[in-house]
Amino acid sequence: MTELQLRLSQLALYVGDTNGTYDTQVEDAVRRYQWARGITTDQLGVYGGTTRSRLESETREP
């Protein structure tokens, strides 16, 4: 989850602690990312395969 937090931070979607916890703040950031990218194959707020693939394609590896 730390990598997820760092990737979301690269896009200014997450500004919380980088602690590896999938909390409400991370879930909200994932939801905003999915909504902005039109991702509908994963449930909103769920870091599924499509969301992960898209996020990794537009961010650098932390």
C-alpha atoms as a PDB file:
ATOM      1  CA  MET A   1       0.000   0.000   0.000  1.00  0.00           C
ATOM      2  CA  THR A   2       2.954   2.314   0.459  1.00  0.00           C
ATOM      3  CA  GLU A   3       3.593   2.248  -3.289  1.00  0.00           C
ATOM      4  CA  LEU A   4      -0.058   3.099  -3.934  1.00  0.00           C
ATOM      5  CA  GLN A   5       0.151   6.056  -1.564  1.00  0.00           C
ATOM      6  CA  LEU A   6       3.331   7.296  -3.252  1.00  0.00           C
ATOM      7  CA  ARG A   7       1.876   6.960  -6.750  1.00  0.00           C
ATOM      8  CA  LEU A   8      -1.288   8.812  -5.754  1.00  0.00           C
ATOM      9  CA  SER A   9       0.917  11.493  -4.196  1.00  0.00           C
ATOM     10  CA  GLN A  10       2.685  11.959  -7.534  1.00  0.00           C
ATOM     11  CA  LEU A  11      -0.678  13.000  -8.982  1.00  0.00           C
ATOM     12  CA  ALA A  12      -1.508  15.205  -5.977  1.00  0.00           C
ATOM     13  CA  LEU A  13      -4.457  12.975  -5.094  1.00  0.00           C
ATOM     14  CA  TYR A  14      -3.103  11.847  -1.738  1.00  0.00           C
ATOM     15  CA  VAL A  15      -1.386  14.030   0.848  1.00  0.00           C
ATOM     16  CA  GLY A  16      -1.562  11.814   3.927  1.00  0.00           C
ATOM     17  CA  ASP A  17       1.081   9.765   5.703  1.00  0.00           C
ATOM     18  CA  THR A  18       2.949   7.145   3.715  1.00  0.00           C
ATOM     19  CA  ASN A  19       2.351   4.323   6.164  1.00  0.00           C
ATOM     20  CA  GLY A  20       1.101   1.436   4.019  1.00  0.00           C
ATOM     21  CA  THR A  21      -2.435   1.575   5.424  1.00  0.00           C
ATOM     22  CA  TYR A  22      -5.446   1.476   3.109  1.00  0.00           C
ATOM     23  CA  ASP A  23      -7.532   3.904   5.100  1.00  0.00           C
ATOM     24  CA  THR A  24     -10.421   6.194   4.192  1.00  0.00           C
ATOM     25  CA  GLN A  25      -8.056   8.852   2.872  1.00  0.00           C
ATOM     26  CA  VAL A  26      -6.425   6.398   0.452  1.00  0.00           C
ATOM     27  CA  GLU A  27      -9.800   4.997  -0.590  1.00  0.00           C
ATOM     28  CA  ASP A  28     -11.049   8.516  -1.356  1.00  0.00           C
ATOM     29  CA  ALA A  29      -7.943   9.223  -3.431  1.00  0.00           C
ATOM     30  CA  VAL A  30      -8.443   5.991  -5.395  1.00  0.00           C
ATOM     31  CA  ARG A  31     -12.092   6.916  -5.925  1.00  0.00           C
ATOM     32  CA  ARG A  32     -11.151  10.380  -7.241  1.00  0.00           C
ATOM     33  CA  TYR A  33      -8.572   8.848  -9.547  1.00  0.00           C
ATOM     34  CA  GLN A  34     -11.082   6.332 -10.932  1.00  0.00           C
ATOM     35  CA  TRP A  35     -13.744   8.975 -11.421  1.00  0.00           C
ATOM     36  CA  ALA A  36     -11.348  11.352 -13.207  1.00  0.00           C
ATOM     37  CA  ARG A  37     -10.124   8.568 -15.528  1.00  0.00           C
ATOM     38  CA  GLY A  38     -13.546   7.070 -16.185  1.00  0.00           C
ATOM     39  CA  ILE A  39     -12.564   3.688 -14.736  1.00  0.00           C
ATOM     40  CA  THR A  40     -15.700   1.635 -14.260  1.00  0.00           C
ATOM     41  CA  THR A  41     -14.378  -1.930 -14.343  1.00  0.00           C
ATOM     42  CA  ASP A  42     -13.246  -1.713 -10.704  1.00  0.00           C
ATOM     43  CA  GLN A  43     -15.657  -0.770  -7.947  1.00  0.00           C
ATOM     44  CA  LEU A  44     -15.174   2.847  -6.859  1.00  0.00           C
ATOM     45  CA  GLY A  45     -12.600   3.048  -4.100  1.00  0.00           C
ATOM     46  CA  VAL A  46     -11.289  -0.467  -4.766  1.00  0.00           C
ATOM     47  CA  TYR A  47      -7.712  -0.743  -6.018  1.00  0.00           C
ATOM     48  CA  GLY A  48      -8.411  -3.391  -8.620  1.00  0.00           C
ATOM     49  CA  GLY A  49      -6.486  -4.567 -11.644  1.00  0.00           C
ATOM     50  CA  THR A  50      -7.621  -1.894 -14.083  1.00  0.00           C
ATOM     51  CA  THR A  51      -7.028   0.908 -11.611  1.00  0.00           C
ATOM     52  CA  ARG A  52      -3.582  -0.411 -10.766  1.00  0.00           C
ATOM     53  CA  SER A  53      -2.588  -0.815 -14.401  1.00  0.00           C
ATOM     54  CA  ARG A  54      -3.720   2.705 -15.324  1.00  0.00           C
ATOM     55  CA  LEU A  55      -2.093   4.292 -12.277  1.00  0.00           C
ATOM     56  CA  GLU A  56       1.199   2.505 -12.912  1.00  0.00           C
ATOM     57  CA  SER A  57       1.141   3.588 -16.574  1.00  0.00           C
ATOM     58  CA  GLU A  58       1.000   7.281 -15.707  1.00  0.00           C
ATOM     59  CA  THR A  59       3.281   7.455 -12.669  1.00  0.00           C
ATOM     60  CA  ARG A  60       6.893   6.568 -12.064  1.00  0.00           C
ATOM     61  CA  GLU A  61       7.933   3.735  -9.780  1.00  0.00           C
ATOM     62  CA  PRO A  62       8.568   5.156  -6.321  1.00  0.00           C
END
